[in-house]
Amino acid sequence: MRIAVCPGSFDPVTNGHIDIFGRAADLFDEVIVATGLNPSKTRLFTPGERIDMLTEVCREFPNVRVAGFTGLLTAFCQEQGAVAIVKGLRAVSDYEYELQMAQMNSSLAEVETVFIPTSPEYSFLASSLVKEVAMFGGDVSGLVPDFVRERLITRLDERKRSGA
């Protein structure tokens, strides 16, 4: 069985992420969508909330499961028996960063990185941009699933009320 890990913060999960999950599911026997802790990024949703949202959006893919992890991605891949890490690429700048990460990962473990170019309709889409647009009252319909949009708006409203 060929297992791949599709890692990310997914804060929140976007339609671009879901596109990559589905395309990876066509290439591998099993795909693990893994959300980890990255202290360099500010999170809007807790790890549990992100896992819940990911579980909901991945239901349509029978060979995709969701997991959380801490520590090195390569250690998680080894624990899961994964042969590949799947990363979506939106632009050349993504490639430059992800290539460096892929080379580091391959120096740490026997795991290949597979790059999947983002579908053109999602090439501009990033979780950080979705949060920013929503924060200023913009419409993010079509960028995230409806239930994710609702949770995003609710969370941003909670933060506004609390003064955060």
Protein backbone atom coordinates (compact mmCIF):
# COMPACT_ATOMS: atom_id res chain seq x y z
CA MET A 1 0.00 0.00 0.00
CA ARG A 2 1.38 3.39 -1.01
CA ILE A 3 0.61 5.99 1.66
CA ALA A 4 1.10 9.73 1.26
CA VAL A 5 0.86 12.52 3.81
CA CYS A 6 -0.61 15.87 2.84
CA PRO A 7 0.51 18.21 5.64
CA GLY A 8 -0.52 21.74 6.46
CA SER A 9 -1.98 24.08 9.01
CA PHE A 10 -5.34 24.28 7.19
CA ASP A 11 -6.42 27.32 9.20
CA PRO A 12 -8.97 27.23 7.67
CA VAL A 13 -9.17 24.50 5.04
CA THR A 14 -9.91 26.00 1.61
CA ASN A 15 -11.33 24.68 -1.64
CA GLY A 16 -7.77 24.72 -2.98
CA HIS A 17 -6.69 22.32 -0.23
CA ILE A 18 -9.64 20.06 -0.97
CA ASP A 19 -8.69 20.00 -4.66
CA ILE A 20 -5.19 18.80 -3.73
CA PHE A 21 -6.60 16.16 -1.33
CA GLY A 22 -8.77 14.72 -4.08
CA ARG A 23 -6.03 14.70 -6.67
CA ALA A 24 -3.62 13.06 -4.22
CA ALA A 25 -6.29 10.46 -3.42
CA ASP A 26 -6.28 9.51 -7.11
CA LEU A 27 -2.51 8.93 -7.01
CA PHE A 28 -2.05 7.00 -3.76
CA ASP A 29 -3.74 4.08 -2.02
CA GLU A 30 -4.15 6.13 1.13
CA VAL A 31 -3.72 9.83 1.89
CA ILE A 32 -3.34 11.16 5.39
CA VAL A 33 -4.27 14.82 5.68
CA ALA A 34 -2.12 15.85 8.62
CA THR A 35 -2.37 19.08 10.52
CA GLY A 36 0.52 19.92 12.76
CA LEU A 37 1.68 22.53 15.15
CA ASN A 38 3.82 25.23 13.60
CA PRO A 39 4.80 27.83 16.21
CA SER A 40 5.77 30.34 13.52
CA LYS A 41 2.15 30.73 12.39
CA THR A 42 -0.74 32.40 14.19
CA ARG A 43 -3.80 30.16 14.34
CA LEU A 44 -7.45 31.15 14.34
CA PHE A 45 -8.77 27.63 15.01
CA THR A 46 -7.59 25.09 17.58
CA PRO A 47 -6.02 21.82 16.42
CA GLY A 48 -9.24 20.00 17.33
CA GLU A 49 -11.38 22.42 15.34
CA ARG A 50 -9.11 22.08 12.31
CA ILE A 51 -9.25 18.28 12.55
CA ASP A 52 -13.06 18.43 12.75
CA MET A 53 -13.29 20.64 9.65
CA LEU A 54 -10.81 18.48 7.75
CA THR A 55 -12.69 15.31 8.69
CA GLU A 56 -15.90 16.81 7.34
CA VAL A 57 -14.40 17.89 3.99
CA CYS A 58 -12.51 14.62 3.49
CA ARG A 59 -15.59 12.42 3.87
CA GLU A 60 -16.05 12.44 0.11
CA PHE A 61 -12.70 10.68 -0.39
CA PRO A 62 -12.85 7.04 0.81
CA ASN A 63 -9.07 6.63 0.94
CA VAL A 64 -8.34 9.85 2.84
CA ARG A 65 -8.10 10.11 6.60
CA VAL A 66 -7.23 13.00 8.89
CA ALA A 67 -4.67 13.06 11.69
CA GLY A 68 -2.96 15.59 13.91
CA PHE A 69 0.74 15.46 14.66
CA THR A 70 3.44 17.22 16.62
CA GLY A 71 7.15 17.23 15.98
CA LEU A 72 8.89 16.53 12.72
CA LEU A 73 6.79 15.74 9.67
CA THR A 74 9.31 13.10 8.61
CA ALA A 75 8.93 11.27 11.94
CA PHE A 76 5.16 11.28 11.46
CA CYS A 77 5.60 9.93 7.92
CA GLN A 78 7.80 7.11 9.21
CA GLU A 79 5.28 6.25 11.95
CA GLN A 80 2.51 6.08 9.34
CA GLY A 81 4.54 4.11 6.78
CA ALA A 82 4.18 6.94 4.26
CA VAL A 83 6.35 6.93 1.14
CA ALA A 84 5.50 10.47 0.04
CA ILE A 85 4.65 13.97 1.19
CA VAL A 86 2.19 15.76 -1.10
CA LYS A 87 2.41 19.53 -1.41
CA GLY A 88 0.29 21.81 -3.56
CA LEU A 89 2.13 24.58 -5.40
CA ARG A 90 0.46 27.88 -6.32
CA ALA A 91 3.41 29.86 -7.63
CA VAL A 92 7.16 29.83 -8.22
CA SER A 93 7.67 31.29 -4.74
CA ASP A 94 5.92 28.21 -3.26
CA TYR A 95 8.27 25.98 -5.25
CA GLU A 96 11.40 27.69 -3.95
CA TYR A 97 10.30 27.27 -0.34
CA GLU A 98 8.87 23.75 -0.76
CA LEU A 99 11.94 22.51 -2.66
CA GLN A 100 14.14 23.47 0.28
CA MET A 101 11.74 21.71 2.66
CA ALA A 102 11.65 18.61 0.41
CA GLN A 103 15.43 18.42 0.37
CA MET A 104 15.60 18.77 4.14
CA ASN A 105 12.91 16.10 4.58
CA SER A 106 14.70 13.67 2.28
CA SER A 107 17.89 14.15 4.31
CA LEU A 108 15.96 13.13 7.45
CA ALA A 109 13.96 10.16 6.18
CA GLU A 110 13.30 8.02 3.14
CA VAL A 111 10.30 9.98 1.92
CA GLU A 112 9.74 11.60 -1.45
CA THR A 113 7.95 14.90 -1.93
CA VAL A 114 5.37 15.06 -4.70
CA PHE A 115 4.38 18.50 -5.93
CA ILE A 116 0.90 18.96 -7.36
CA PRO A 117 0.27 22.24 -9.14
CA THR A 118 -2.81 24.00 -7.89
CA SER A 119 -5.74 24.16 -10.26
CA PRO A 120 -5.84 27.60 -11.93
CA GLU A 121 -9.05 28.64 -10.20
CA TYR A 122 -7.32 28.27 -6.82
CA SER A 123 -3.88 29.65 -7.70
CA PHE A 124 -4.37 32.79 -5.60
CA LEU A 125 -6.02 31.08 -2.65
CA ALA A 126 -4.34 30.98 0.77
CA SER A 127 -5.84 30.47 4.22
CA SER A 128 -4.27 33.73 5.39
CA LEU A 129 -5.95 35.66 2.57
CA VAL A 130 -9.30 34.02 3.27
CA LYS A 131 -9.05 35.06 6.93
CA GLU A 132 -8.10 38.60 5.98
CA VAL A 133 -10.93 39.01 3.46
CA ALA A 134 -13.44 37.60 5.95
CA MET A 135 -12.08 39.81 8.74
CA PHE A 136 -12.89 42.90 6.68
CA GLY A 137 -16.35 41.68 5.74
CA GLY A 138 -15.54 40.33 2.28
CA ASP A 139 -17.41 37.39 0.81
CA VAL A 140 -15.39 34.17 0.95
CA SER A 141 -18.14 32.02 -0.55
CA GLY A 142 -16.62 29.81 -3.21
CA LEU A 143 -13.23 29.90 -1.49
CA VAL A 144 -14.11 27.60 1.40
CA PRO A 145 -16.94 25.14 2.02
CA ASP A 146 -20.09 26.78 3.40
CA PHE A 147 -19.76 25.28 6.89
CA VAL A 148 -16.14 26.49 7.08
CA ARG A 149 -17.25 29.99 6.04
CA GLU A 150 -19.85 29.96 8.82
CA ARG A 151 -17.29 28.86 11.42
CA LEU A 152 -14.82 31.46 10.17
CA ILE A 153 -17.33 34.30 10.43
CA THR A 154 -18.43 33.14 13.88
CA ARG A 155 -14.83 32.95 15.14
CA LEU A 156 -13.96 36.39 13.76
CA ASP A 157 -17.09 37.86 15.34
CA GLU A 158 -16.12 36.28 18.69
CA ARG A 159 -12.68 37.84 18.44
CA LYS A 160 -14.12 41.27 17.61
CA ARG A 161 -16.45 41.10 20.61
CA SER A 162 -13.61 40.04 22.93
CA GLY A 163 -11.32 42.78 21.60
CA ALA A 164 -8.68 40.31 20.40
